Each structure stands twice: as C-alpha cells, then as structure tokens.
Amino acid sequence: MSHCCTFTISNNCPYTIWPGTLAGSGSPPLQTTGFRLDAGQSVQIPSVPAGWSGRIWGRTGCKFDANGVGLCQTGDCGGRLQCDGNGATPPASLFEITLGSGNEQDFYDVSLVDGYNLPIFAAPRGVHGSCNATGCSSDLNL
C-alpha cells in the first residue's frame, strides 16, 4: 500500500484533550491509537496509507496511570490511553474519513452520530481541486 497522507491533529481548546483513533474494517491501525494533546499543541500522524478508513475523536477529562489504564469523562475507549481497536463511548464528536487510492476521491465528514463532546473542524491542506473544510469550531456546550 502506498502512503499518501499525514494527519495533523491540533488542540485549539483551552484544556487538554486525548485524541483517539479507530481504523475501519480492513484498514490497519494508525501509528498511535491514543495520546495526550495539551492546549495549543499539534501532533502529526505520518504515513497514513492510501485507502485508509477510520475515525478520530477527542476525549476529555482523562486520567491514566503509568500503564495507560484509566478513564475519560467523554469519548472513553475501553479505559485505556491507547484505544487499540475500541471506539468512542458516546458522547463523542467524530471525524470520519476514507482515503481514496490511485486517482479515487477522499471522503470525510464531521459527525455527531455518537453525540457531541468537543468542537471539531477538519480542513484539507496541500490537495488538488476544490476540497471544503467541515465541522463546527464553536463549543455547543456553552
């Protein structure tokens, strides 16, 4: 499989979040499936393969021990820092994406099908053609 993309995840919230990732059926897990992201920080996940499909979401109010065991108030994924194949427990705002391979198109959306816990906004960069940003950058909980 060829590598086509780098995901950049930025925390524009004034508090720490813990992003989680879940690969769709037939897609390999990303290099990380859960991590801490302090306010104002960004992390890149490189080498996302063409054809990859999955979800990315932010967890809030998390506390983990030295072994990565703990809980999150929203978006928890099995009580672990690394989600390792577990999806988000609602409520969780989701970014969903399927990357095309070859000359096929990419498909992405921001979904509230599992509830809402964080503002989430997705904007493609370095792409050809007309690709739109999607999501909501306002906190709906205020």
Protein backbone atom coordinates (compact mmCIF):
# COMPACT_ATOMS: atom_id res chain seq x y z
CA MET A 1 0.00 0.00 0.00
CA SER A 2 1.35 3.42 -0.84
CA HIS A 3 1.49 6.20 1.74
CA CYS A 4 -0.45 9.28 0.81
CA CYS A 5 -1.24 11.46 3.76
CA THR A 6 -0.23 13.00 7.05
CA PHE A 7 -2.93 13.82 9.59
CA THR A 8 -2.27 16.88 11.74
CA ILE A 9 -4.35 17.00 14.92
CA SER A 10 -4.39 20.34 16.74
CA ASN A 11 -5.90 21.16 20.11
CA ASN A 12 -7.42 24.63 19.95
CA CYS A 13 -9.31 24.10 23.21
CA PRO A 14 -8.13 25.86 26.39
CA TYR A 15 -7.67 22.46 28.11
CA THR A 16 -6.02 19.09 27.48
CA ILE A 17 -7.71 16.52 25.24
CA TRP A 18 -6.75 12.93 24.47
CA PRO A 19 -7.39 12.10 20.78
CA GLY A 20 -8.30 8.52 19.92
CA THR A 21 -8.18 6.76 16.55
CA LEU A 22 -10.02 3.75 15.22
CA ALA A 23 -9.30 2.11 11.86
CA GLY A 24 -12.26 0.90 9.84
CA SER A 25 -12.70 -2.69 8.72
CA GLY A 26 -9.81 -3.73 6.51
CA SER A 27 -7.62 -0.73 7.43
CA PRO A 28 -4.50 -1.05 9.59
CA PRO A 29 -4.36 0.87 12.89
CA LEU A 30 -2.56 4.21 12.75
CA GLN A 31 0.87 4.59 14.39
CA THR A 32 -0.91 5.72 17.55
CA THR A 33 -4.45 4.94 18.71
CA GLY A 34 -4.48 7.36 21.65
CA PHE A 35 -2.37 10.18 23.09
CA ARG A 36 -2.38 13.34 25.19
CA LEU A 37 -2.59 16.73 23.49
CA ASP A 38 -2.25 19.82 25.68
CA ALA A 39 -3.91 23.15 24.82
CA GLY A 40 -2.24 24.75 21.79
CA GLN A 41 -0.30 21.61 20.79
CA SER A 42 -0.38 19.80 17.45
CA VAL A 43 0.70 16.26 16.57
CA GLN A 44 1.30 14.76 13.15
CA ILE A 45 0.45 11.17 12.27
CA PRO A 46 2.55 10.49 9.15
CA SER A 47 2.40 7.71 6.58
CA VAL A 48 -1.36 7.18 6.54
CA PRO A 49 -1.79 4.67 3.70
CA ALA A 50 -3.90 5.24 0.61
CA GLY A 51 -7.27 3.56 1.06
CA TRP A 52 -7.23 4.05 4.87
CA SER A 53 -10.61 4.45 6.51
CA GLY A 54 -11.42 5.29 10.11
CA ARG A 55 -12.36 7.74 12.84
CA ILE A 56 -10.54 10.27 15.01
CA TRP A 57 -12.11 11.90 18.08
CA GLY A 58 -11.13 13.84 21.18
CA ARG A 59 -11.57 12.54 24.72
CA THR A 60 -11.94 14.84 27.72
CA GLY A 61 -11.38 14.62 31.46
CA CYS A 62 -8.99 11.65 31.21
CA LYS A 63 -6.78 10.24 33.95
CA PHE A 64 -4.38 7.39 33.21
CA ASP A 65 -1.85 5.58 35.36
CA ALA A 66 1.74 4.75 34.32
CA ASN A 67 0.44 1.69 32.44
CA GLY A 68 -2.05 3.74 30.39
CA VAL A 69 -5.07 2.45 32.30
CA GLY A 70 -7.77 4.90 33.36
CA LEU A 71 -10.98 6.57 32.27
CA CYS A 72 -12.20 9.61 30.35
CA GLN A 73 -15.32 11.62 31.15
CA THR A 74 -16.25 11.75 27.42
CA GLY A 75 -15.15 9.70 24.43
CA ASP A 76 -13.59 6.91 26.52
CA CYS A 77 -12.34 3.88 24.55
CA GLY A 78 -12.20 0.94 26.90
CA GLY A 79 -10.45 2.64 29.81
CA ARG A 80 -7.03 2.88 28.14
CA LEU A 81 -4.78 5.61 26.74
CA GLN A 82 -4.26 3.56 23.55
CA CYS A 83 -7.68 2.73 22.11
CA ASP A 84 -6.32 -0.41 20.36
CA GLY A 85 -9.42 -1.17 18.29
CA ASN A 86 -12.01 0.26 20.69
CA GLY A 87 -14.31 3.04 19.51
CA ALA A 88 -15.52 6.05 21.47
CA THR A 89 -18.15 5.79 24.15
CA PRO A 90 -20.78 8.49 23.49
CA PRO A 91 -20.85 11.38 23.67
CA ALA A 92 -18.01 11.91 21.20
CA SER A 93 -17.70 14.25 18.21
CA LEU A 94 -16.18 12.26 15.33
CA PHE A 95 -14.02 12.97 12.30
CA GLU A 96 -14.62 10.17 9.78
CA ILE A 97 -12.50 9.68 6.65
CA THR A 98 -11.95 7.26 3.80
CA LEU A 99 -8.89 8.00 1.68
CA GLY A 100 -9.04 7.10 -1.98
CA SER A 101 -6.28 5.10 -3.61
CA GLY A 102 -4.89 5.88 -7.04
CA ASN A 103 -6.96 8.67 -8.55
CA GLU A 104 -10.03 7.99 -6.44
CA GLN A 105 -11.52 10.69 -4.23
CA ASP A 106 -11.25 11.05 -0.47
CA PHE A 107 -14.44 11.25 1.60
CA TYR A 108 -14.62 12.88 5.03
CA ASP A 109 -17.11 14.38 7.45
CA VAL A 110 -17.59 15.56 11.00
CA SER A 111 -20.33 13.52 12.62
CA LEU A 112 -22.37 13.93 15.78
CA VAL A 113 -23.99 10.49 15.38
CA ASP A 114 -22.33 9.48 18.69
CA GLY A 115 -23.23 12.75 20.42
CA TYR A 116 -21.21 15.90 20.96
CA ASN A 117 -18.34 16.50 23.37
CA LEU A 118 -15.93 18.88 21.59
CA PRO A 119 -15.87 21.34 18.72
CA ILE A 120 -14.20 19.62 15.79
CA PHE A 121 -13.11 21.12 12.48
CA ALA A 122 -11.41 19.43 9.52
CA ALA A 123 -9.61 21.29 6.72
CA PRO A 124 -7.67 19.52 3.95
CA ARG A 125 -4.28 21.00 3.03
CA GLY A 126 -1.99 20.50 0.07
CA VAL A 127 -4.65 18.89 -2.09
CA HIS A 128 -5.67 19.49 -5.67
CA GLY A 129 -9.17 20.52 -6.65
CA SER A 130 -11.90 22.02 -4.53
CA CYS A 131 -11.89 20.47 -1.08
CA ASN A 132 -14.06 22.01 1.61
CA ALA A 133 -13.49 22.38 5.31
CA THR A 134 -16.17 20.84 7.52
CA GLY A 135 -17.20 20.83 11.14
CA CYS A 136 -18.07 23.21 13.91
CA SER A 137 -15.46 25.35 15.63
CA SER A 138 -17.85 26.65 18.32
CA ASP A 139 -18.41 24.86 21.63
CA LEU A 140 -22.05 23.76 21.56
CA ASN A 141 -21.94 23.00 25.30
CA LEU A 142 -21.65 26.69 26.26
